Structures are given as C-alpha cells and as structure tokens.
Amino acid sequence: TSKEVDAGVLSIISYPAFAVEDLDVVNTTKEEIISKLQGRYGCCR
C-alpha cells in the first residue's frame, strides 16, 4: 500500500520464488524497479 515500487520484489518475480506466471506482469515490474530504483552502485530498496 505504501511502497509503489520495491527492489525486494525481484526475489519473487524471479529467483528464488518464481511466483508470478504472467510474463507481462514480471517484465513490467522489473522495468519499474530498474527505471525508478537503479543507480550507479546498485538499486535502492
């Protein structure tokens, strides 16, 4: 509810959980994380 995007979600759209079957949702979520959270040294949480 409070976090529009969270890098921790990478653990469930991919390794180790692979919990989301819909590839469109997986790709959209990954793009959101990379575009909003990624910097020069990693991603912020």
PDB file of all heavy atoms in Angstrom:
ATOM      1  N   THR A   1       0.827  -1.209   0.000  1.00  0.00           N
ATOM      2  CA  THR A   1       0.000   0.000   0.000  1.00  0.00           C
ATOM      3  C   THR A   1       0.861   1.259   0.000  1.00  0.00           C
ATOM      4  O   THR A   1       0.581   2.225  -0.704  1.00  0.00           O
ATOM      5  CB  THR A   1      -0.915   0.025   1.253  1.00  0.00           C
ATOM      6  OG1 THR A   1      -1.547  -1.254   1.350  1.00  0.00           O
ATOM      7  CG2 THR A   1      -1.963   1.101   1.146  1.00  0.00           C
ATOM      8  N   SER A   2       1.947   1.260   0.782  1.00  0.00           N
ATOM      9  CA  SER A   2       2.754   2.475   0.904  1.00  0.00           C
ATOM     10  C   SER A   2       3.923   2.530  -0.080  1.00  0.00           C
ATOM     11  O   SER A   2       4.427   3.595  -0.387  1.00  0.00           O
ATOM     12  CB  SER A   2       3.298   2.603   2.332  1.00  0.00           C
ATOM     13  OG  SER A   2       4.252   1.593   2.578  1.00  0.00           O
ATOM     14  N   LYS A   3       4.368   1.364  -0.580  1.00  0.00           N
ATOM     15  CA  LYS A   3       5.537   1.351  -1.469  1.00  0.00           C
ATOM     16  C   LYS A   3       5.091   1.108  -2.913  1.00  0.00           C
ATOM     17  O   LYS A   3       4.646  -0.003  -3.247  1.00  0.00           O
ATOM     18  CB  LYS A   3       6.519   0.251  -1.048  1.00  0.00           C
ATOM     19  CG  LYS A   3       7.096   0.425   0.342  1.00  0.00           C
ATOM     20  CD  LYS A   3       8.183  -0.610   0.612  1.00  0.00           C
ATOM     21  CE  LYS A   3       8.604  -0.602   2.061  1.00  0.00           C
ATOM     22  NZ  LYS A   3       7.863  -1.560   2.884  1.00  0.00           N
ATOM     23  N   GLU A   4       5.228   2.134  -3.749  1.00  0.00           N
ATOM     24  CA  GLU A   4       4.840   1.983  -5.151  1.00  0.00           C
ATOM     25  C   GLU A   4       5.768   1.035  -5.892  1.00  0.00           C
ATOM     26  O   GLU A   4       5.382   0.370  -6.831  1.00  0.00           O
ATOM     27  CB  GLU A   4       4.767   3.339  -5.858  1.00  0.00           C
ATOM     28  CG  GLU A   4       6.015   4.218  -5.759  1.00  0.00           C
ATOM     29  CD  GLU A   4       6.114   4.970  -4.437  1.00  0.00           C
ATOM     30  OE1 GLU A   4       6.643   4.363  -3.469  1.00  0.00           O
ATOM     31  OE2 GLU A   4       5.699   6.125  -4.379  1.00  0.00           O
ATOM     32  N   VAL A   5       7.022   0.968  -5.425  1.00  0.00           N
ATOM     33  CA  VAL A   5       7.998   0.067  -6.053  1.00  0.00           C
ATOM     34  C   VAL A   5       9.021  -0.340  -4.989  1.00  0.00           C
ATOM     35  O   VAL A   5       9.375   0.456  -4.136  1.00  0.00           O
ATOM     36  CB  VAL A   5       8.650   0.765  -7.285  1.00  0.00           C
ATOM     37  CG1 VAL A   5       9.360   2.049  -6.899  1.00  0.00           C
ATOM     38  CG2 VAL A   5       9.609  -0.158  -8.014  1.00  0.00           C
ATOM     39  N   ASP A   6       9.462  -1.593  -5.035  1.00  0.00           N
ATOM     40  CA  ASP A   6      10.391  -2.115  -4.029  1.00  0.00           C
ATOM     41  C   ASP A   6      11.305  -3.136  -4.704  1.00  0.00           C
ATOM     42  O   ASP A   6      10.834  -4.084  -5.333  1.00  0.00           O
ATOM     43  CB  ASP A   6       9.585  -2.779  -2.897  1.00  0.00           C
ATOM     44  CG  ASP A   6      10.460  -3.289  -1.753  1.00  0.00           C
ATOM     45  OD1 ASP A   6      11.659  -3.534  -1.979  1.00  0.00           O
ATOM     46  OD2 ASP A   6       9.945  -3.468  -0.646  1.00  0.00           O
ATOM     47  N   ALA A   7      12.618  -2.925  -4.581  1.00  0.00           N
ATOM     48  CA  ALA A   7      13.578  -3.821  -5.242  1.00  0.00           C
ATOM     49  C   ALA A   7      13.508  -5.246  -4.691  1.00  0.00           C
ATOM     50  O   ALA A   7      13.899  -6.202  -5.358  1.00  0.00           O
ATOM     51  CB  ALA A   7      14.993  -3.272  -5.096  1.00  0.00           C
ATOM     52  N   GLY A   8      12.990  -5.411  -3.459  1.00  0.00           N
ATOM     53  CA  GLY A   8      12.862  -6.746  -2.878  1.00  0.00           C
ATOM     54  C   GLY A   8      11.921  -7.654  -3.662  1.00  0.00           C
ATOM     55  O   GLY A   8      11.990  -8.876  -3.564  1.00  0.00           O
ATOM     56  N   VAL A   9      11.057  -7.037  -4.494  1.00  0.00           N
ATOM     57  CA  VAL A   9      10.093  -7.820  -5.299  1.00  0.00           C
ATOM     58  C   VAL A   9      10.824  -8.654  -6.359  1.00  0.00           C
ATOM     59  O   VAL A   9      10.291  -9.638  -6.865  1.00  0.00           O
ATOM     60  CB  VAL A   9       9.035  -6.870  -5.928  1.00  0.00           C
ATOM     61  CG1 VAL A   9       8.106  -7.598  -6.877  1.00  0.00           C
ATOM     62  CG2 VAL A   9       8.213  -6.199  -4.821  1.00  0.00           C
ATOM     63  N   LEU A  10      12.091  -8.287  -6.661  1.00  0.00           N
ATOM     64  CA  LEU A  10      12.887  -9.099  -7.600  1.00  0.00           C
ATOM     65  C   LEU A  10      12.957 -10.555  -7.147  1.00  0.00           C
ATOM     66  O   LEU A  10      13.016 -11.467  -7.962  1.00  0.00           O
ATOM     67  CB  LEU A  10      14.316  -8.544  -7.711  1.00  0.00           C
ATOM     68  CG  LEU A  10      14.505  -7.253  -8.525  1.00  0.00           C
ATOM     69  CD1 LEU A  10      15.913  -6.710  -8.339  1.00  0.00           C
ATOM     70  CD2 LEU A  10      14.212  -7.494  -9.999  1.00  0.00           C
ATOM     71  N   SER A  11      12.932 -10.774  -5.824  1.00  0.00           N
ATOM     72  CA  SER A  11      13.066 -12.141  -5.302  1.00  0.00           C
ATOM     73  C   SER A  11      11.831 -12.991  -5.565  1.00  0.00           C
ATOM     74  O   SER A  11      11.887 -14.208  -5.451  1.00  0.00           O
ATOM     75  CB  SER A  11      13.352 -12.110  -3.796  1.00  0.00           C
ATOM     76  OG  SER A  11      12.224 -11.598  -3.099  1.00  0.00           O
ATOM     77  N   ILE A  12      10.697 -12.360  -5.898  1.00  0.00           N
ATOM     78  CA  ILE A  12       9.503 -13.183  -6.165  1.00  0.00           C
ATOM     79  C   ILE A  12       9.112 -13.226  -7.640  1.00  0.00           C
ATOM     80  O   ILE A  12       8.461 -14.155  -8.079  1.00  0.00           O
ATOM     81  CB  ILE A  12       8.293 -12.772  -5.284  1.00  0.00           C
ATOM     82  CG1 ILE A  12       7.811 -11.382  -5.624  1.00  0.00           C
ATOM     83  CG2 ILE A  12       8.588 -12.911  -3.817  1.00  0.00           C
ATOM     84  CD1 ILE A  12       6.351 -11.321  -5.810  1.00  0.00           C
ATOM     85  N   ILE A  13       9.553 -12.219  -8.434  1.00  0.00           N
ATOM     86  CA  ILE A  13       9.243 -12.304  -9.874  1.00  0.00           C
ATOM     87  C   ILE A  13      10.292 -13.155 -10.586  1.00  0.00           C
ATOM     88  O   ILE A  13      10.110 -13.584 -11.711  1.00  0.00           O
ATOM     89  CB  ILE A  13       9.130 -10.919 -10.548  1.00  0.00           C
ATOM     90  CG1 ILE A  13      10.437 -10.120 -10.414  1.00  0.00           C
ATOM     91  CG2 ILE A  13       7.951 -10.133  -9.990  1.00  0.00           C
ATOM     92  CD1 ILE A  13      10.485  -8.855 -11.267  1.00  0.00           C
ATOM     93  N   SER A  14      11.422 -13.391  -9.897  1.00  0.00           N
ATOM     94  CA  SER A  14      12.480 -14.212 -10.478  1.00  0.00           C
ATOM     95  C   SER A  14      13.030 -15.119  -9.380  1.00  0.00           C
ATOM     96  O   SER A  14      12.284 -15.522  -8.501  1.00  0.00           O
ATOM     97  CB  SER A  14      13.549 -13.296 -11.075  1.00  0.00           C
ATOM     98  OG  SER A  14      14.540 -14.065 -11.720  1.00  0.00           O
ATOM     99  N   TYR A  15      14.344 -15.401  -9.424  1.00  0.00           N
ATOM    100  CA  TYR A  15      14.952 -16.266  -8.415  1.00  0.00           C
ATOM    101  C   TYR A  15      14.855 -15.604  -7.047  1.00  0.00           C
ATOM    102  O   TYR A  15      15.092 -14.423  -6.920  1.00  0.00           O
ATOM    103  CB  TYR A  15      16.430 -16.498  -8.783  1.00  0.00           C
ATOM    104  CG  TYR A  15      17.133 -17.453  -7.865  1.00  0.00           C
ATOM    105  CD1 TYR A  15      17.052 -18.825  -8.070  1.00  0.00           C
ATOM    106  CD2 TYR A  15      17.869 -16.990  -6.780  1.00  0.00           C
ATOM    107  CE1 TYR A  15      17.683 -19.709  -7.204  1.00  0.00           C
ATOM    108  CE2 TYR A  15      18.500 -17.866  -5.918  1.00  0.00           C
ATOM    109  CZ  TYR A  15      18.406 -19.225  -6.143  1.00  0.00           C
ATOM    110  OH  TYR A  15      19.018 -20.093  -5.296  1.00  0.00           O
ATOM    111  N   PRO A  16      14.521 -16.322  -5.955  1.00  0.00           N
ATOM    112  CA  PRO A  16      14.309 -17.772  -5.897  1.00  0.00           C
ATOM    113  C   PRO A  16      12.846 -18.239  -5.978  1.00  0.00           C
ATOM    114  O   PRO A  16      12.588 -19.419  -6.082  1.00  0.00           O
ATOM    115  CB  PRO A  16      14.857 -18.104  -4.510  1.00  0.00           C
ATOM    116  CG  PRO A  16      14.553 -16.893  -3.686  1.00  0.00           C
ATOM    117  CD  PRO A  16      14.653 -15.715  -4.620  1.00  0.00           C
ATOM    118  N   ALA A  17      11.873 -17.296  -5.928  1.00  0.00           N
ATOM    119  CA  ALA A  17      10.480 -17.744  -5.773  1.00  0.00           C
ATOM    120  C   ALA A  17       9.799 -18.100  -7.100  1.00  0.00           C
ATOM    121  O   ALA A  17       8.989 -19.019  -7.157  1.00  0.00           O
ATOM    122  CB  ALA A  17       9.662 -16.678  -5.045  1.00  0.00           C
ATOM    123  N   PHE A  18      10.107 -17.347  -8.168  1.00  0.00           N
ATOM    124  CA  PHE A  18       9.416 -17.536  -9.457  1.00  0.00           C
ATOM    125  C   PHE A  18       7.904 -17.660  -9.233  1.00  0.00           C
ATOM    126  O   PHE A  18       7.254 -18.577  -9.734  1.00  0.00           O
ATOM    127  CB  PHE A  18       9.935 -18.776 -10.189  1.00  0.00           C
ATOM    128  CG  PHE A  18      11.391 -18.722 -10.522  1.00  0.00           C
ATOM    129  CD1 PHE A  18      12.327 -19.444  -9.789  1.00  0.00           C
ATOM    130  CD2 PHE A  18      11.858 -17.922 -11.558  1.00  0.00           C
ATOM    131  CE1 PHE A  18      13.686 -19.384 -10.083  1.00  0.00           C
ATOM    132  CE2 PHE A  18      13.223 -17.857 -11.869  1.00  0.00           C
ATOM    133  CZ  PHE A  18      14.134 -18.592 -11.122  1.00  0.00           C
ATOM    134  N   ALA A  19       7.362 -16.702  -8.462  1.00  0.00           N
ATOM    135  CA  ALA A  19       5.968 -16.843  -8.010  1.00  0.00           C
ATOM    136  C   ALA A  19       4.940 -16.278  -8.986  1.00  0.00           C
ATOM    137  O   ALA A  19       3.745 -16.493  -8.811  1.00  0.00           O
ATOM    138  CB  ALA A  19       5.807 -16.169  -6.641  1.00  0.00           C
ATOM    139  N   VAL A  20       5.398 -15.538 -10.007  1.00  0.00           N
ATOM    140  CA  VAL A  20       4.440 -14.886 -10.920  1.00  0.00           C
ATOM    141  C   VAL A  20       4.523 -15.547 -12.291  1.00  0.00           C
ATOM    142  O   VAL A  20       5.589 -15.573 -12.920  1.00  0.00           O
ATOM    143  CB  VAL A  20       4.745 -13.371 -11.033  1.00  0.00           C
ATOM    144  CG1 VAL A  20       3.688 -12.668 -11.877  1.00  0.00           C
ATOM    145  CG2 VAL A  20       4.820 -12.735  -9.646  1.00  0.00           C
ATOM    146  N   GLU A  21       3.382 -16.088 -12.747  1.00  0.00           N
ATOM    147  CA  GLU A  21       3.375 -16.823 -14.026  1.00  0.00           C
ATOM    148  C   GLU A  21       3.236 -15.894 -15.234  1.00  0.00           C
ATOM    149  O   GLU A  21       3.700 -16.204 -16.324  1.00  0.00           O
ATOM    150  CB  GLU A  21       2.224 -17.848 -14.065  1.00  0.00           C
ATOM    151  CG  GLU A  21       2.455 -19.065 -13.189  1.00  0.00           C
ATOM    152  CD  GLU A  21       1.805 -18.925 -11.822  1.00  0.00           C
ATOM    153  OE1 GLU A  21       1.310 -17.828 -11.529  1.00  0.00           O
ATOM    154  OE2 GLU A  21       1.820 -19.911 -11.053  1.00  0.00           O
ATOM    155  N   ASP A  22       2.564 -14.751 -15.058  1.00  0.00           N
ATOM    156  CA  ASP A  22       2.282 -13.844 -16.174  1.00  0.00           C
ATOM    157  C   ASP A  22       3.549 -13.056 -16.541  1.00  0.00           C
ATOM    158  O   ASP A  22       4.004 -12.195 -15.790  1.00  0.00           O
ATOM    159  CB  ASP A  22       1.158 -12.876 -15.760  1.00  0.00           C
ATOM    160  CG  ASP A  22       0.672 -12.031 -16.934  1.00  0.00           C
ATOM    161  OD1 ASP A  22       1.472 -11.782 -17.858  1.00  0.00           O
ATOM    162  OD2 ASP A  22      -0.503 -11.616 -16.916  1.00  0.00           O
ATOM    163  N   LEU A  23       4.114 -13.351 -17.723  1.00  0.00           N
ATOM    164  CA  LEU A  23       5.382 -12.726 -18.127  1.00  0.00           C
ATOM    165  C   LEU A  23       5.264 -11.223 -18.303  1.00  0.00           C
ATOM    166  O   LEU A  23       6.219 -10.487 -18.054  1.00  0.00           O
ATOM    167  CB  LEU A  23       5.884 -13.356 -19.430  1.00  0.00           C
ATOM    168  CG  LEU A  23       6.742 -14.620 -19.285  1.00  0.00           C
ATOM    169  CD1 LEU A  23       7.182 -15.132 -20.632  1.00  0.00           C
ATOM    170  CD2 LEU A  23       7.961 -14.362 -18.405  1.00  0.00           C
ATOM    171  N   ASP A  24       4.097 -10.749 -18.724  1.00  0.00           N
ATOM    172  CA  ASP A  24       3.904  -9.296 -18.891  1.00  0.00           C
ATOM    173  C   ASP A  24       4.039  -8.584 -17.551  1.00  0.00           C
ATOM    174  O   ASP A  24       4.668  -7.531 -17.451  1.00  0.00           O
ATOM    175  CB  ASP A  24       2.523  -8.996 -19.504  1.00  0.00           C
ATOM    176  CG  ASP A  24       2.440  -9.474 -20.952  1.00  0.00           C
ATOM    177  OD1 ASP A  24       3.515  -9.625 -21.575  1.00  0.00           O
ATOM    178  OD2 ASP A  24       1.315  -9.695 -21.453  1.00  0.00           O
ATOM    179  N   VAL A  25       3.432  -9.189 -16.506  1.00  0.00           N
ATOM    180  CA  VAL A  25       3.500  -8.604 -15.162  1.00  0.00           C
ATOM    181  C   VAL A  25       4.948  -8.630 -14.664  1.00  0.00           C
ATOM    182  O   VAL A  25       5.446  -7.652 -14.084  1.00  0.00           O
ATOM    183  CB  VAL A  25       2.573  -9.364 -14.173  1.00  0.00           C
ATOM    184  CG1 VAL A  25       2.733  -8.831 -12.758  1.00  0.00           C
ATOM    185  CG2 VAL A  25       1.121  -9.262 -14.611  1.00  0.00           C
ATOM    186  N   VAL A  26       5.637  -9.743 -14.914  1.00  0.00           N
ATOM    187  CA  VAL A  26       7.043  -9.881 -14.493  1.00  0.00           C
ATOM    188  C   VAL A  26       7.888  -8.781 -15.138  1.00  0.00           C
ATOM    189  O   VAL A  26       8.647  -8.073 -14.470  1.00  0.00           O
ATOM    190  CB  VAL A  26       7.604 -11.275 -14.866  1.00  0.00           C
ATOM    191  CG1 VAL A  26       9.113 -11.340 -14.678  1.00  0.00           C
ATOM    192  CG2 VAL A  26       6.927 -12.353 -14.034  1.00  0.00           C
ATOM    193  N   ASN A  27       7.748  -8.613 -16.466  1.00  0.00           N
ATOM    194  CA  ASN A  27       8.563  -7.636 -17.193  1.00  0.00           C
ATOM    195  C   ASN A  27       8.240  -6.199 -16.798  1.00  0.00           C
ATOM    196  O   ASN A  27       9.135  -5.376 -16.634  1.00  0.00           O
ATOM    197  CB  ASN A  27       8.403  -7.819 -18.711  1.00  0.00           C
ATOM    198  CG  ASN A  27       9.008  -9.138 -19.182  1.00  0.00           C
ATOM    199  OD1 ASN A  27       9.975  -9.626 -18.588  1.00  0.00           O
ATOM    200  ND2 ASN A  27       8.453  -9.743 -20.216  1.00  0.00           N
ATOM    201  N   THR A  28       6.935  -5.924 -16.613  1.00  0.00           N
ATOM    202  CA  THR A  28       6.532  -4.567 -16.192  1.00  0.00           C
ATOM    203  C   THR A  28       7.132  -4.240 -14.827  1.00  0.00           C
ATOM    204  O   THR A  28       7.661  -3.140 -14.611  1.00  0.00           O
ATOM    205  CB  THR A  28       4.989  -4.467 -16.091  1.00  0.00           C
ATOM    206  OG1 THR A  28       4.420  -4.920 -17.318  1.00  0.00           O
ATOM    207  CG2 THR A  28       4.535  -3.052 -15.815  1.00  0.00           C
ATOM    208  N   THR A  29       7.045  -5.207 -13.902  1.00  0.00           N
ATOM    209  CA  THR A  29       7.570  -4.995 -12.541  1.00  0.00           C
ATOM    210  C   THR A  29       9.079  -4.775 -12.575  1.00  0.00           C
ATOM    211  O   THR A  29       9.605  -3.877 -11.909  1.00  0.00           O
ATOM    212  CB  THR A  29       7.225  -6.204 -11.644  1.00  0.00           C
ATOM    213  OG1 THR A  29       5.818  -6.467 -11.733  1.00  0.00           O
ATOM    214  CG2 THR A  29       7.590  -5.943 -10.201  1.00  0.00           C
ATOM    215  N   LYS A  30       9.777  -5.588 -13.375  1.00  0.00           N
ATOM    216  CA  LYS A  30      11.237  -5.469 -13.456  1.00  0.00           C
ATOM    217  C   LYS A  30      11.634  -4.110 -14.034  1.00  0.00           C
ATOM    218  O   LYS A  30      12.553  -3.447 -13.519  1.00  0.00           O
ATOM    219  CB  LYS A  30      11.796  -6.612 -14.312  1.00  0.00           C
ATOM    220  CG  LYS A  30      13.316  -6.728 -14.272  1.00  0.00           C
ATOM    221  CD  LYS A  30      13.803  -8.086 -14.730  1.00  0.00           C
ATOM    222  CE  LYS A  30      13.791  -8.205 -16.233  1.00  0.00           C
ATOM    223  NZ  LYS A  30      14.347  -9.458 -16.721  1.00  0.00           N
ATOM    224  N   GLU A  31      10.911  -3.675 -15.073  1.00  0.00           N
ATOM    225  CA  GLU A  31      11.208  -2.362 -15.682  1.00  0.00           C
ATOM    226  C   GLU A  31      10.974  -1.222 -14.691  1.00  0.00           C
ATOM    227  O   GLU A  31      11.743  -0.254 -14.642  1.00  0.00           O
ATOM    228  CB  GLU A  31      10.345  -2.155 -16.935  1.00  0.00           C
ATOM    229  CG  GLU A  31      10.876  -2.903 -18.152  1.00  0.00           C
ATOM    230  CD  GLU A  31       9.821  -3.070 -19.250  1.00  0.00           C
ATOM    231  OE1 GLU A  31       8.860  -2.270 -19.266  1.00  0.00           O
ATOM    232  OE2 GLU A  31       9.953  -4.004 -20.066  1.00  0.00           O
ATOM    233  N   GLU A  32       9.895  -1.344 -13.890  1.00  0.00           N
ATOM    234  CA  GLU A  32       9.583  -0.335 -12.864  1.00  0.00           C
ATOM    235  C   GLU A  32      10.745  -0.217 -11.872  1.00  0.00           C
ATOM    236  O   GLU A  32      11.171   0.879 -11.523  1.00  0.00           O
ATOM    237  CB  GLU A  32       8.324  -0.752 -12.079  1.00  0.00           C
ATOM    238  CG  GLU A  32       7.020  -0.409 -12.760  1.00  0.00           C
ATOM    239  CD  GLU A  32       6.584   1.016 -12.447  1.00  0.00           C
ATOM    240  OE1 GLU A  32       6.213   1.292 -11.295  1.00  0.00           O
ATOM    241  OE2 GLU A  32       6.641   1.844 -13.363  1.00  0.00           O
ATOM    242  N   ILE A  33      11.228  -1.379 -11.408  1.00  0.00           N
ATOM    243  CA  ILE A  33      12.309  -1.403 -10.421  1.00  0.00           C
ATOM    244  C   ILE A  33      13.574  -0.779 -11.002  1.00  0.00           C
ATOM    245  O   ILE A  33      14.205   0.081 -10.377  1.00  0.00           O
ATOM    246  CB  ILE A  33      12.576  -2.853  -9.937  1.00  0.00           C
ATOM    247  CG1 ILE A  33      11.389  -3.352  -9.098  1.00  0.00           C
ATOM    248  CG2 ILE A  33      13.871  -2.932  -9.122  1.00  0.00           C
ATOM    249  CD1 ILE A  33      11.400  -4.846  -8.813  1.00  0.00           C
ATOM    250  N   ILE A  34      13.941  -1.185 -12.223  1.00  0.00           N
ATOM    251  CA  ILE A  34      15.182  -0.690 -12.834  1.00  0.00           C
ATOM    252  C   ILE A  34      15.086   0.808 -13.138  1.00  0.00           C
ATOM    253  O   ILE A  34      16.002   1.579 -12.845  1.00  0.00           O
ATOM    254  CB  ILE A  34      15.526  -1.506 -14.101  1.00  0.00           C
ATOM    255  CG1 ILE A  34      15.923  -2.943 -13.706  1.00  0.00           C
ATOM    256  CG2 ILE A  34      16.655  -0.848 -14.894  1.00  0.00           C
ATOM    257  CD1 ILE A  34      16.061  -3.912 -14.854  1.00  0.00           C
ATOM    258  N   SER A  35      13.940   1.246 -13.670  1.00  0.00           N
ATOM    259  CA  SER A  35      13.829   2.663 -14.065  1.00  0.00           C
ATOM    260  C   SER A  35      13.744   3.600 -12.860  1.00  0.00           C
ATOM    261  O   SER A  35      14.268   4.706 -12.893  1.00  0.00           O
ATOM    262  CB  SER A  35      12.616   2.864 -14.975  1.00  0.00           C
ATOM    263  OG  SER A  35      11.430   2.566 -14.268  1.00  0.00           O
ATOM    264  N   LYS A  36      13.118   3.150 -11.776  1.00  0.00           N
ATOM    265  CA  LYS A  36      12.911   4.054 -10.640  1.00  0.00           C
ATOM    266  C   LYS A  36      13.943   3.909  -9.521  1.00  0.00           C
ATOM    267  O   LYS A  36      14.146   4.836  -8.750  1.00  0.00           O
ATOM    268  CB  LYS A  36      11.506   3.834 -10.050  1.00  0.00           C
ATOM    269  CG  LYS A  36      10.408   4.316 -10.986  1.00  0.00           C
ATOM    270  CD  LYS A  36       9.040   4.178 -10.365  1.00  0.00           C
ATOM    271  CE  LYS A  36       7.978   4.733 -11.311  1.00  0.00           C
ATOM    272  NZ  LYS A  36       6.621   4.439 -10.864  1.00  0.00           N
ATOM    273  N   LEU A  37      14.573   2.738  -9.423  1.00  0.00           N
ATOM    274  CA  LEU A  37      15.429   2.491  -8.254  1.00  0.00           C
ATOM    275  C   LEU A  37      16.907   2.312  -8.569  1.00  0.00           C
ATOM    276  O   LEU A  37      17.738   2.378  -7.675  1.00  0.00           O
ATOM    277  CB  LEU A  37      14.931   1.252  -7.490  1.00  0.00           C
ATOM    278  CG  LEU A  37      13.493   1.299  -6.963  1.00  0.00           C
ATOM    279  CD1 LEU A  37      13.144  -0.008  -6.256  1.00  0.00           C
ATOM    280  CD2 LEU A  37      13.277   2.471  -6.017  1.00  0.00           C
ATOM    281  N   GLN A  38      17.245   2.073  -9.840  1.00  0.00           N
ATOM    282  CA  GLN A  38      18.647   1.757 -10.142  1.00  0.00           C
ATOM    283  C   GLN A  38      19.529   3.003 -10.186  1.00  0.00           C
ATOM    284  O   GLN A  38      19.128   4.031 -10.703  1.00  0.00           O
ATOM    285  CB  GLN A  38      18.740   1.006 -11.469  1.00  0.00           C
ATOM    286  CG  GLN A  38      20.162   0.565 -11.797  1.00  0.00           C
ATOM    287  CD  GLN A  38      20.200  -0.532 -12.844  1.00  0.00           C
ATOM    288  OE1 GLN A  38      19.994  -1.691 -12.540  1.00  0.00           O
ATOM    289  NE2 GLN A  38      20.458  -0.155 -14.084  1.00  0.00           N
ATOM    290  N   GLY A  39      20.747   2.855  -9.637  1.00  0.00           N
ATOM    291  CA  GLY A  39      21.732   3.935  -9.679  1.00  0.00           C
ATOM    292  C   GLY A  39      23.060   3.408 -10.179  1.00  0.00           C
ATOM    293  O   GLY A  39      23.119   2.392 -10.870  1.00  0.00           O
ATOM    294  N   ARG A  40      24.137   4.071  -9.790  1.00  0.00           N
ATOM    295  CA  ARG A  40      25.475   3.674 -10.266  1.00  0.00           C
ATOM    296  C   ARG A  40      26.078   2.542  -9.450  1.00  0.00           C
ATOM    297  O   ARG A  40      27.072   1.935  -9.852  1.00  0.00           O
ATOM    298  CB  ARG A  40      26.408   4.879 -10.197  1.00  0.00           C
ATOM    299  CG  ARG A  40      26.196   5.892 -11.299  1.00  0.00           C
ATOM    300  CD  ARG A  40      26.919   7.198 -11.002  1.00  0.00           C
ATOM    301  NE  ARG A  40      28.336   6.998 -10.688  1.00  0.00           N
ATOM    302  CZ  ARG A  40      29.084   7.917 -10.082  1.00  0.00           C
ATOM    303  NH1 ARG A  40      28.553   9.063  -9.718  1.00  0.00           N
ATOM    304  NH2 ARG A  40      30.367   7.673  -9.823  1.00  0.00           N
ATOM    305  N   TYR A  41      25.518   2.262  -8.268  1.00  0.00           N
ATOM    306  CA  TYR A  41      26.125   1.277  -7.366  1.00  0.00           C
ATOM    307  C   TYR A  41      25.175   0.129  -7.008  1.00  0.00           C
ATOM    308  O   TYR A  41      25.452  -0.658  -6.118  1.00  0.00           O
ATOM    309  CB  TYR A  41      26.580   1.970  -6.071  1.00  0.00           C
ATOM    310  CG  TYR A  41      27.629   3.030  -6.291  1.00  0.00           C
ATOM    311  CD1 TYR A  41      27.260   4.339  -6.594  1.00  0.00           C
ATOM    312  CD2 TYR A  41      28.985   2.715  -6.206  1.00  0.00           C
ATOM    313  CE1 TYR A  41      28.229   5.318  -6.803  1.00  0.00           C
ATOM    314  CE2 TYR A  41      29.955   3.691  -6.415  1.00  0.00           C
ATOM    315  CZ  TYR A  41      29.570   4.988  -6.720  1.00  0.00           C
ATOM    316  OH  TYR A  41      30.530   5.947  -6.929  1.00  0.00           O
ATOM    317  N   GLY A  42      24.045   0.057  -7.678  1.00  0.00           N
ATOM    318  CA  GLY A  42      23.034  -0.946  -7.345  1.00  0.00           C
ATOM    319  C   GLY A  42      21.665  -0.295  -7.405  1.00  0.00           C
ATOM    320  O   GLY A  42      21.483   0.725  -8.076  1.00  0.00           O
ATOM    321  N   CYS A  43      20.720  -0.867  -6.679  1.00  0.00           N
ATOM    322  CA  CYS A  43      19.376  -0.278  -6.611  1.00  0.00           C
ATOM    323  C   CYS A  43      19.093   0.126  -5.172  1.00  0.00           C
ATOM    324  O   CYS A  43      19.552  -0.532  -4.239  1.00  0.00           O
ATOM    325  CB  CYS A  43      18.309  -1.295  -7.030  1.00  0.00           C
ATOM    326  SG  CYS A  43      18.518  -1.925  -8.697  1.00  0.00           S
ATOM    327  N   CYS A  44      18.318   1.212  -4.996  1.00  0.00           N
ATOM    328  CA  CYS A  44      17.873   1.485  -3.625  1.00  0.00           C
ATOM    329  C   CYS A  44      16.680   0.571  -3.328  1.00  0.00           C
ATOM    330  O   CYS A  44      16.053   0.035  -4.244  1.00  0.00           O
ATOM    331  CB  CYS A  44      17.537   2.948  -3.400  1.00  0.00           C
ATOM    332  SG  CYS A  44      16.652   3.771  -4.681  1.00  0.00           S
ATOM    333  N   ARG A  45      16.392   0.365  -2.072  1.00  0.00           N
ATOM    334  CA  ARG A  45      15.355  -0.610  -1.699  1.00  0.00           C
ATOM    335  C   ARG A  45      13.974  -0.110  -2.127  1.00  0.00           C
ATOM    336  O   ARG A  45      13.193  -0.854  -2.705  1.00  0.00           O
ATOM    337  CB  ARG A  45      15.382  -0.861  -0.187  1.00  0.00           C
ATOM    338  CG  ARG A  45      16.703  -1.414   0.303  1.00  0.00           C
ATOM    339  CD  ARG A  45      16.661  -1.853   1.751  1.00  0.00           C
ATOM    340  NE  ARG A  45      16.268  -0.783   2.649  1.00  0.00           N
ATOM    341  CZ  ARG A  45      16.132  -0.926   3.970  1.00  0.00           C
ATOM    342  NH1 ARG A  45      16.387  -2.105   4.527  1.00  0.00           N
ATOM    343  NH2 ARG A  45      15.775   0.084   4.742  1.00  0.00           N
TER     344      ARG A  45
END
